[in-house]
Protein backbone atom coordinates (compact mmCIF):
# COMPACT_ATOMS: atom_id res chain seq x y z
CA UNK A 1 0.00 0.00 0.00
CA UNK A 2 1.22 3.50 -0.87
CA UNK A 3 0.05 6.70 0.82
CA UNK A 4 -0.39 10.10 -0.84
CA UNK A 5 -0.98 13.53 0.67
CA UNK A 6 -3.25 15.69 -1.50
CA UNK A 7 -2.98 19.51 -1.53
CA UNK A 8 -5.83 21.81 -2.58
CA UNK A 9 -4.44 24.98 -4.13
CA UNK A 10 -7.28 27.46 -4.72
CA UNK A 11 -9.58 25.66 -2.30
CA UNK A 12 -7.37 26.69 0.60
CA UNK A 13 -8.29 30.36 -0.04
CA UNK A 14 -12.02 29.90 0.47
CA UNK A 15 -12.20 31.01 4.12
CA UNK A 16 -15.48 30.02 5.76
CA UNK A 17 -16.51 28.08 2.65
CA UNK A 18 -13.35 25.99 2.61
CA UNK A 19 -14.93 23.01 4.36
CA UNK A 20 -17.64 22.78 1.69
CA UNK A 21 -15.01 22.59 -1.07
CA UNK A 22 -12.94 20.06 0.88
CA UNK A 23 -15.96 17.80 1.32
CA UNK A 24 -16.80 18.11 -2.36
CA UNK A 25 -13.25 17.19 -3.34
CA UNK A 26 -13.27 14.13 -1.08
CA UNK A 27 -16.63 13.13 -2.56
CA UNK A 28 -15.27 13.43 -6.11
CA UNK A 29 -12.17 11.36 -5.28
CA UNK A 30 -14.37 8.62 -3.85
CA UNK A 31 -16.79 8.77 -6.76
CA UNK A 32 -13.97 8.47 -9.31
CA UNK A 33 -12.48 5.53 -7.39
CA UNK A 34 -15.85 3.75 -7.34
CA UNK A 35 -16.47 4.49 -11.01
CA UNK A 36 -13.10 3.05 -12.03
CA UNK A 37 -13.35 0.10 -9.58
CA UNK A 38 -10.04 0.84 -7.85
CA UNK A 39 -8.70 -0.28 -4.48
CA UNK A 40 -8.12 3.22 -3.15
CA UNK A 41 -9.46 4.97 -0.04
CA UNK A 42 -9.37 8.64 0.96
CA UNK A 43 -9.92 10.50 4.22
CA UNK A 44 -9.36 13.93 5.74
CA UNK A 45 -6.26 15.08 7.54
CA UNK A 46 -6.07 18.65 8.78
CA UNK A 47 -5.64 20.79 5.66
CA UNK A 48 -5.02 17.77 3.41
CA UNK A 49 -6.57 14.56 2.11
CA UNK A 50 -4.78 11.29 2.78
CA UNK A 51 -5.10 8.67 0.04
CA UNK A 52 -4.28 4.99 0.62
CA UNK A 53 -3.80 2.92 -2.54
CA UNK A 54 -3.41 -0.78 -3.24
CA UNK A 55 -3.10 0.01 -6.96
CA UNK A 56 0.13 0.48 -8.90
CA UNK A 57 1.88 3.86 -8.60
CA UNK A 58 1.16 4.60 -12.27
CA UNK A 59 -2.57 3.92 -11.82
CA UNK A 60 -2.82 5.99 -8.65
CA UNK A 61 -0.84 8.92 -10.00
CA UNK A 62 -2.88 8.95 -13.20
CA UNK A 63 -6.09 9.04 -11.18
CA UNK A 64 -5.02 11.82 -8.81
CA UNK A 65 -3.54 13.96 -11.59
CA UNK A 66 -6.93 14.08 -13.35
CA UNK A 67 -9.26 14.98 -10.46
CA UNK A 68 -10.31 18.63 -10.55
CA UNK A 69 -9.56 20.47 -7.31
CA UNK A 70 -6.25 18.71 -6.62
CA UNK A 71 -3.39 21.20 -6.98
CA UNK A 72 -0.62 18.71 -6.17
CA UNK A 73 -0.01 15.42 -4.39
CA UNK A 74 2.96 13.69 -2.83
CA UNK A 75 3.68 9.97 -2.42
CA UNK A 76 4.58 9.71 1.27
CA UNK A 77 6.33 7.30 3.61
CA UNK A 78 4.36 7.20 6.83
CA UNK A 79 6.16 6.94 10.19
CA UNK A 80 4.65 6.69 13.69
CA UNK A 81 4.57 9.82 15.85
CA UNK A 82 8.06 9.18 17.21
CA UNK A 83 10.75 11.67 16.21
CA UNK A 84 13.67 9.49 17.29
CA UNK A 85 12.31 6.60 15.24
CA UNK A 86 12.02 8.91 12.23
CA UNK A 87 15.68 9.93 12.55
CA UNK A 88 16.69 6.28 12.92
CA UNK A 89 14.86 5.16 9.76
CA UNK A 90 15.22 8.18 7.48
CA UNK A 91 18.78 7.37 6.28
CA UNK A 92 17.77 3.90 5.04
CA UNK A 93 14.82 5.39 3.16
CA UNK A 94 17.09 7.95 1.49
CA UNK A 95 19.77 5.40 0.68
CA UNK A 96 17.28 3.27 -1.26
CA UNK A 97 16.06 6.29 -3.19
CA UNK A 98 19.50 7.67 -4.03
CA UNK A 99 20.41 4.60 -6.07
CA UNK A 100 17.95 5.72 -8.73
CA UNK A 101 18.06 9.52 -8.23
CA UNK A 102 21.80 10.09 -7.83
CA UNK A 103 21.32 13.59 -6.33
CA UNK A 104 24.17 15.99 -5.62
CA UNK A 105 22.18 18.53 -3.60
CA UNK A 106 19.20 18.40 -1.25
CA UNK A 107 16.92 20.49 0.91
CA UNK A 108 14.79 19.59 3.94
CA UNK A 109 11.38 21.25 4.14
CA UNK A 110 9.52 20.66 7.40
CA UNK A 111 5.85 21.53 7.88
CA UNK A 112 4.43 21.41 11.39
CA UNK A 113 0.66 20.96 11.04
CA UNK A 114 0.55 19.59 14.62
CA UNK A 115 1.53 22.64 16.68
CA UNK A 116 1.92 20.65 19.91
CA UNK A 117 5.04 19.01 18.50
CA UNK A 118 7.71 20.63 20.66
CA UNK A 119 10.28 21.47 17.92
CA UNK A 120 9.51 24.17 15.37
CA UNK A 121 9.75 23.57 11.61
CA UNK A 122 13.06 25.37 11.09
CA UNK A 123 14.72 23.44 13.92
CA UNK A 124 13.44 20.13 12.49
CA UNK A 125 14.84 21.06 9.06
CA UNK A 126 18.24 21.92 10.53
CA UNK A 127 18.33 18.78 12.68
CA UNK A 128 17.37 16.42 9.86
CA UNK A 129 19.65 18.26 7.43
CA UNK A 130 22.59 17.68 9.74
CA UNK A 131 21.63 14.01 9.97
CA UNK A 132 21.55 13.66 6.17
CA UNK A 133 24.93 15.43 5.77
CA UNK A 134 26.52 13.17 8.38
CA UNK A 135 25.27 9.98 6.68
CA UNK A 136 25.78 11.12 3.09
CA UNK A 137 28.92 13.29 2.99
CA UNK A 138 28.79 13.57 -0.80
CA UNK A 139 25.58 15.63 -0.64
CA UNK A 140 25.45 19.39 -0.32
CA UNK A 141 22.64 21.67 0.80
CA UNK A 142 20.94 23.81 -1.85
CA UNK A 143 17.93 25.77 -0.60
CA UNK A 144 17.10 27.22 -4.04
CA UNK A 145 17.20 24.47 -6.67
CA UNK A 146 18.03 21.16 -5.00
CA UNK A 147 18.24 17.89 -6.89
CA UNK A 148 16.15 16.33 -4.13
CA UNK A 149 13.68 17.96 -1.75
CA UNK A 150 12.82 15.98 1.37
CA UNK A 151 9.49 17.15 2.75
CA UNK A 152 8.55 16.19 6.31
CA UNK A 153 4.91 16.79 7.26
CA UNK A 154 4.51 16.67 11.06
CA UNK A 155 1.05 15.64 12.26
CA UNK A 156 -0.57 14.05 15.29
CA UNK A 157 -1.12 10.96 13.12
CA UNK A 158 2.62 10.65 12.51
CA UNK A 159 5.38 11.89 10.21
CA UNK A 160 4.80 11.90 6.47
CA UNK A 161 8.02 12.01 4.43
CA UNK A 162 7.99 12.74 0.71
CA UNK A 163 10.65 13.01 -1.99
CA UNK A 164 8.35 13.93 -4.90
CA UNK A 165 5.70 16.53 -5.67
CA UNK A 166 3.35 15.81 -8.58
CA UNK A 167 1.21 18.50 -10.18
CA UNK A 168 -2.54 17.98 -10.19
CA UNK A 169 -5.26 19.25 -12.52
CA UNK A 170 -6.08 22.25 -10.30
CA UNK A 171 -9.39 24.07 -10.51
CA UNK A 172 -12.40 23.20 -8.35
CA UNK A 173 -14.17 19.89 -7.63
CA UNK A 174 -16.98 19.08 -10.03
CA UNK A 175 -20.33 20.36 -8.82
CA UNK A 176 -18.85 22.82 -6.33
CA UNK A 177 -19.81 25.75 -8.60
CA UNK A 178 -23.18 24.40 -9.78
CA UNK A 179 -24.55 22.57 -12.81
CA UNK A 180 -24.24 23.55 -16.47
CA UNK A 181 -25.44 22.39 -19.86
CA UNK A 182 -22.90 22.33 -22.69
CA UNK A 183 -24.11 22.92 -26.25
CA UNK A 184 -22.08 20.12 -27.81
CA UNK A 185 -21.51 19.97 -31.56
CA UNK A 186 -19.25 17.62 -33.44
CA UNK A 187 -16.58 20.29 -33.81
CA UNK A 188 -13.27 20.90 -32.06
CA UNK A 189 -14.23 23.78 -29.77
CA UNK A 190 -17.25 22.77 -27.71
CA UNK A 191 -15.69 19.62 -26.14
CA UNK A 192 -12.72 21.73 -24.99
CA UNK A 193 -15.10 24.33 -23.54
CA UNK A 194 -16.91 21.58 -21.64
CA UNK A 195 -13.68 20.27 -20.18
CA UNK A 196 -12.58 23.74 -19.02
CA UNK A 197 -16.00 24.34 -17.45
CA UNK A 198 -15.73 21.07 -15.55
CA UNK A 199 -12.29 22.10 -14.34
CA UNK A 200 -13.80 25.27 -12.86
CA UNK A 201 -16.22 23.21 -10.78
CA UNK A 202 -19.30 22.86 -12.97
CA UNK A 203 -21.06 19.50 -13.11
CA UNK A 204 -21.58 19.50 -16.87
CA UNK A 205 -24.10 17.66 -19.01
CA UNK A 206 -24.65 17.94 -22.75
CA UNK A 207 -27.26 19.02 -25.28
CA UNK A 208 -26.86 18.51 -29.02
CA UNK A 209 -29.06 19.55 -31.95
CA UNK A 210 -29.87 17.30 -34.88
CA UNK A 211 -31.72 17.99 -38.12
CA UNK A 212 -32.62 14.70 -39.78
CA UNK A 213 -32.48 13.85 -42.63
CA UNK A 214 -29.80 16.54 -43.14
CA UNK A 215 -27.78 15.10 -40.23
CA UNK A 216 -27.59 11.35 -39.81
CA UNK A 217 -26.65 8.74 -37.25
CA UNK A 218 -22.95 9.23 -37.96
CA UNK A 219 -23.08 12.84 -36.74
CA UNK A 220 -24.99 11.80 -33.61
CA UNK A 221 -22.60 8.96 -32.82
CA UNK A 222 -19.73 11.41 -33.12
CA UNK A 223 -21.35 13.65 -30.50
CA UNK A 224 -22.06 10.66 -28.25
CA UNK A 225 -18.41 9.69 -28.36
CA UNK A 226 -17.26 13.23 -27.61
CA UNK A 227 -19.64 13.46 -24.67
CA UNK A 228 -18.31 10.18 -23.30
CA UNK A 229 -14.69 11.30 -23.56
CA UNK A 230 -15.33 14.64 -21.83
CA UNK A 231 -17.43 13.05 -19.11
CA UNK A 232 -14.67 10.49 -18.47
CA UNK A 233 -12.19 13.29 -17.76
CA UNK A 234 -14.18 14.17 -14.67
CA UNK A 235 -15.14 12.11 -11.65
CA UNK A 236 -18.89 11.64 -11.97
CA UNK A 237 -20.06 8.12 -12.69
CA UNK A 238 -22.34 9.17 -15.53
CA UNK A 239 -23.58 12.21 -17.43
CA UNK A 240 -26.64 13.05 -19.50
CA UNK A 241 -26.88 13.81 -23.21
CA UNK A 242 -30.03 15.58 -24.44
CA UNK A 243 -30.80 15.35 -28.17
CA UNK A 244 -33.08 17.98 -29.76
CA UNK A 245 -34.51 17.65 -33.28
CA UNK A 246 -34.58 21.17 -34.80
CA UNK A 247 -35.22 20.11 -38.41
CA UNK A 248 -38.59 21.89 -38.59
CA UNK A 249 -37.11 25.18 -37.38
CA UNK A 250 -34.10 24.87 -39.64
CA UNK A 251 -36.40 24.45 -42.63
CA UNK A 252 -38.33 27.56 -41.54
CA UNK A 253 -35.10 29.57 -41.31
CA UNK A 254 -34.14 28.57 -44.85
CA UNK A 255 -37.62 29.21 -46.25
CA UNK A 256 -38.65 32.40 -44.45
CA UNK A 257 -35.66 34.37 -43.18
CA UNK A 258 -32.86 36.50 -44.60
CA UNK A 259 -30.09 34.09 -45.67
CA UNK A 260 -27.26 36.18 -44.20
CA UNK A 261 -28.91 35.77 -40.77
CA UNK A 262 -29.39 31.98 -41.03
CA UNK A 263 -26.48 30.95 -38.79
CA UNK A 264 -27.33 33.53 -36.14
CA UNK A 265 -30.97 32.49 -36.14
CA UNK A 266 -30.01 28.86 -35.68
CA UNK A 267 -27.87 29.93 -32.72
CA UNK A 268 -30.85 31.81 -31.27
CA UNK A 269 -32.93 28.65 -31.65
CA UNK A 270 -30.28 26.54 -29.94
CA UNK A 271 -29.68 28.93 -27.05
CA UNK A 272 -33.39 29.52 -26.41
CA UNK A 273 -34.05 25.77 -26.51
CA UNK A 274 -31.10 24.99 -24.25
CA UNK A 275 -32.17 27.73 -21.82
CA UNK A 276 -35.69 26.28 -21.64
CA UNK A 277 -34.27 22.81 -21.05
CA UNK A 278 -31.86 24.13 -18.41
CA UNK A 279 -34.74 25.80 -16.58
CA UNK A 280 -36.77 22.59 -16.48
CA UNK A 281 -33.82 20.36 -15.50
CA UNK A 282 -32.29 22.69 -12.91
CA UNK A 283 -29.06 23.76 -14.61
CA UNK A 284 -27.49 27.06 -13.59
CA UNK A 285 -25.87 28.09 -16.88
CA UNK A 286 -25.26 27.24 -20.52
CA UNK A 287 -21.79 26.69 -22.00
CA UNK A 288 -20.73 27.21 -25.61
CA UNK A 289 -17.47 26.82 -27.49
CA UNK A 290 -17.43 30.37 -28.86
CA UNK A 291 -14.01 31.96 -29.40
CA UNK A 292 -14.04 35.67 -30.15
CA UNK A 293 -13.65 36.43 -33.86
CA UNK A 294 -13.07 32.84 -34.94
CA UNK A 295 -16.02 32.76 -37.38
CA UNK A 296 -18.64 35.25 -38.56
CA UNK A 297 -21.15 34.25 -35.89
CA UNK A 298 -18.56 34.86 -33.16
CA UNK A 299 -17.75 38.52 -33.76
CA UNK A 300 -18.48 40.75 -30.78
CA UNK A 301 -21.52 42.22 -32.56
CA UNK A 302 -22.86 38.78 -33.46
CA UNK A 303 -22.44 37.39 -29.94
CA UNK A 304 -24.05 40.47 -28.40
CA UNK A 305 -27.02 40.36 -30.78
CA UNK A 306 -27.61 36.63 -30.27
CA UNK A 307 -27.41 36.98 -26.48
CA UNK A 308 -29.84 39.89 -26.50
CA UNK A 309 -32.40 37.95 -28.55
CA UNK A 310 -31.88 34.50 -27.01
CA UNK A 311 -31.64 35.49 -23.34
CA UNK A 312 -30.35 32.99 -20.77
CA UNK A 313 -27.01 32.90 -18.98
CA UNK A 314 -24.22 31.68 -21.26
CA UNK A 315 -20.59 31.00 -20.31
CA UNK A 316 -17.87 30.94 -22.98
CA UNK A 317 -14.68 29.41 -21.54
CA UNK A 318 -12.82 29.73 -24.87
CA UNK A 319 -13.60 33.39 -25.55
CA UNK A 320 -9.93 34.47 -25.35
CA UNK A 321 -8.31 31.36 -26.85
CA UNK A 322 -6.95 31.18 -30.38
CA UNK A 323 -7.44 28.13 -32.57
CA UNK A 324 -3.97 26.70 -31.97
CA UNK A 325 -4.53 26.82 -28.19
CA UNK A 326 -7.86 25.05 -28.56
CA UNK A 327 -6.48 22.38 -30.89
CA UNK A 328 -3.59 21.67 -28.51
CA UNK A 329 -6.04 21.05 -25.64
CA UNK A 330 -8.25 18.91 -27.89
CA UNK A 331 -5.23 16.78 -28.79
CA UNK A 332 -4.38 16.30 -25.12
CA UNK A 333 -7.97 15.32 -24.30
CA UNK A 334 -8.22 12.82 -27.14
CA UNK A 335 -11.16 14.61 -28.81
CA UNK A 336 -9.32 15.98 -31.85
CA UNK A 337 -9.47 12.80 -33.91
CA UNK A 338 -13.17 12.35 -33.17
CA UNK A 339 -14.00 15.96 -34.06
CA UNK A 340 -12.18 15.64 -37.39
CA UNK A 341 -14.35 12.77 -38.56
CA UNK A 342 -16.34 13.79 -41.68
CA UNK A 343 -19.83 13.95 -40.18
CA UNK A 344 -21.25 17.47 -40.22
CA UNK A 345 -23.57 19.01 -37.63
CA UNK A 346 -26.61 21.15 -38.43
CA UNK A 347 -24.62 24.38 -38.00
CA UNK A 348 -21.96 23.57 -40.59
CA UNK A 349 -24.43 22.22 -43.16
CA UNK A 350 -26.27 25.51 -43.71
CA UNK A 351 -23.64 28.25 -43.56
CA UNK A 352 -24.77 31.17 -45.76
CA UNK A 353 -22.51 32.37 -48.55
CA UNK A 354 -22.30 35.87 -47.05
CA UNK A 355 -23.04 35.62 -43.29
CA UNK A 356 -23.77 38.79 -41.32
CA UNK A 357 -20.77 39.85 -39.18
CA UNK A 358 -22.31 43.08 -37.83
CA UNK A 359 -25.94 42.10 -37.35
CA UNK A 360 -28.57 44.54 -36.14
CA UNK A 361 -30.16 43.33 -32.92
CA UNK A 362 -33.59 44.66 -33.91
CA UNK A 363 -33.40 42.95 -37.31
CA UNK A 364 -32.26 39.65 -35.75
CA UNK A 365 -35.19 39.89 -33.34
CA UNK A 366 -37.70 40.57 -36.13
CA UNK A 367 -36.29 37.68 -38.18
CA UNK A 368 -36.52 35.33 -35.17
CA UNK A 369 -40.18 36.30 -34.74
CA UNK A 370 -40.91 34.74 -38.15
CA UNK A 371 -40.15 31.34 -36.58
CA UNK A 372 -42.69 29.25 -34.63
CA UNK A 373 -40.17 29.12 -31.80
CA UNK A 374 -42.56 29.51 -28.87
CA UNK A 375 -44.80 26.67 -30.05
CA UNK A 376 -41.66 24.57 -30.55
CA UNK A 377 -40.57 25.26 -26.95
CA UNK A 378 -44.09 24.59 -25.63
CA UNK A 379 -43.94 21.16 -27.27
CA UNK A 380 -40.25 20.56 -26.55
CA UNK A 381 -40.91 17.05 -25.22
CA UNK A 382 -41.97 15.99 -28.70
CA UNK A 383 -38.56 16.99 -30.10
CA UNK A 384 -36.39 15.81 -27.22
CA UNK A 385 -34.74 12.56 -26.21
CA UNK A 386 -32.00 11.83 -23.69
CA UNK A 387 -29.51 9.12 -22.82
CA UNK A 388 -26.75 8.46 -20.31
CA UNK A 389 -23.12 8.88 -21.35
Foldseek 3Di string as FASTA:
>chain_A
DWKKKFAFPPLVVPPPCSVVQVVLLQVLLVLQCVLVVAQKHWDDDVRIIMIDHPDDPVVVLVSQQLEFRTFKMFTWDWDAADVVVCLVCVVVVVVVVCVVQVWQEEFEFEAEPPVPPPDDRVRVRVVSVVSNCVSPVSHYYDPPDGSWYWYWYHDNRGIIIGTDMGGHPYATGACPVFEEEEAFFLALQRLLQLLVVRSNHYNYAYEYEAAPPVADPLRVVLRVVSRVLSVSSYRHSWHKYKYFHCNVQLVLCVVPFDLLCSLLLVLLLVLLLRQLVCVVVVGDAYEYRAADPPDLCRDPQNVVLSCVQNPTHYDHPRNDPDPVVSLVVSVVSVSNVSSPPPGGGPSVVRNGPNHHNNDDSVSSNVRNVSTPSVVCSVPRVVRMDMDMD
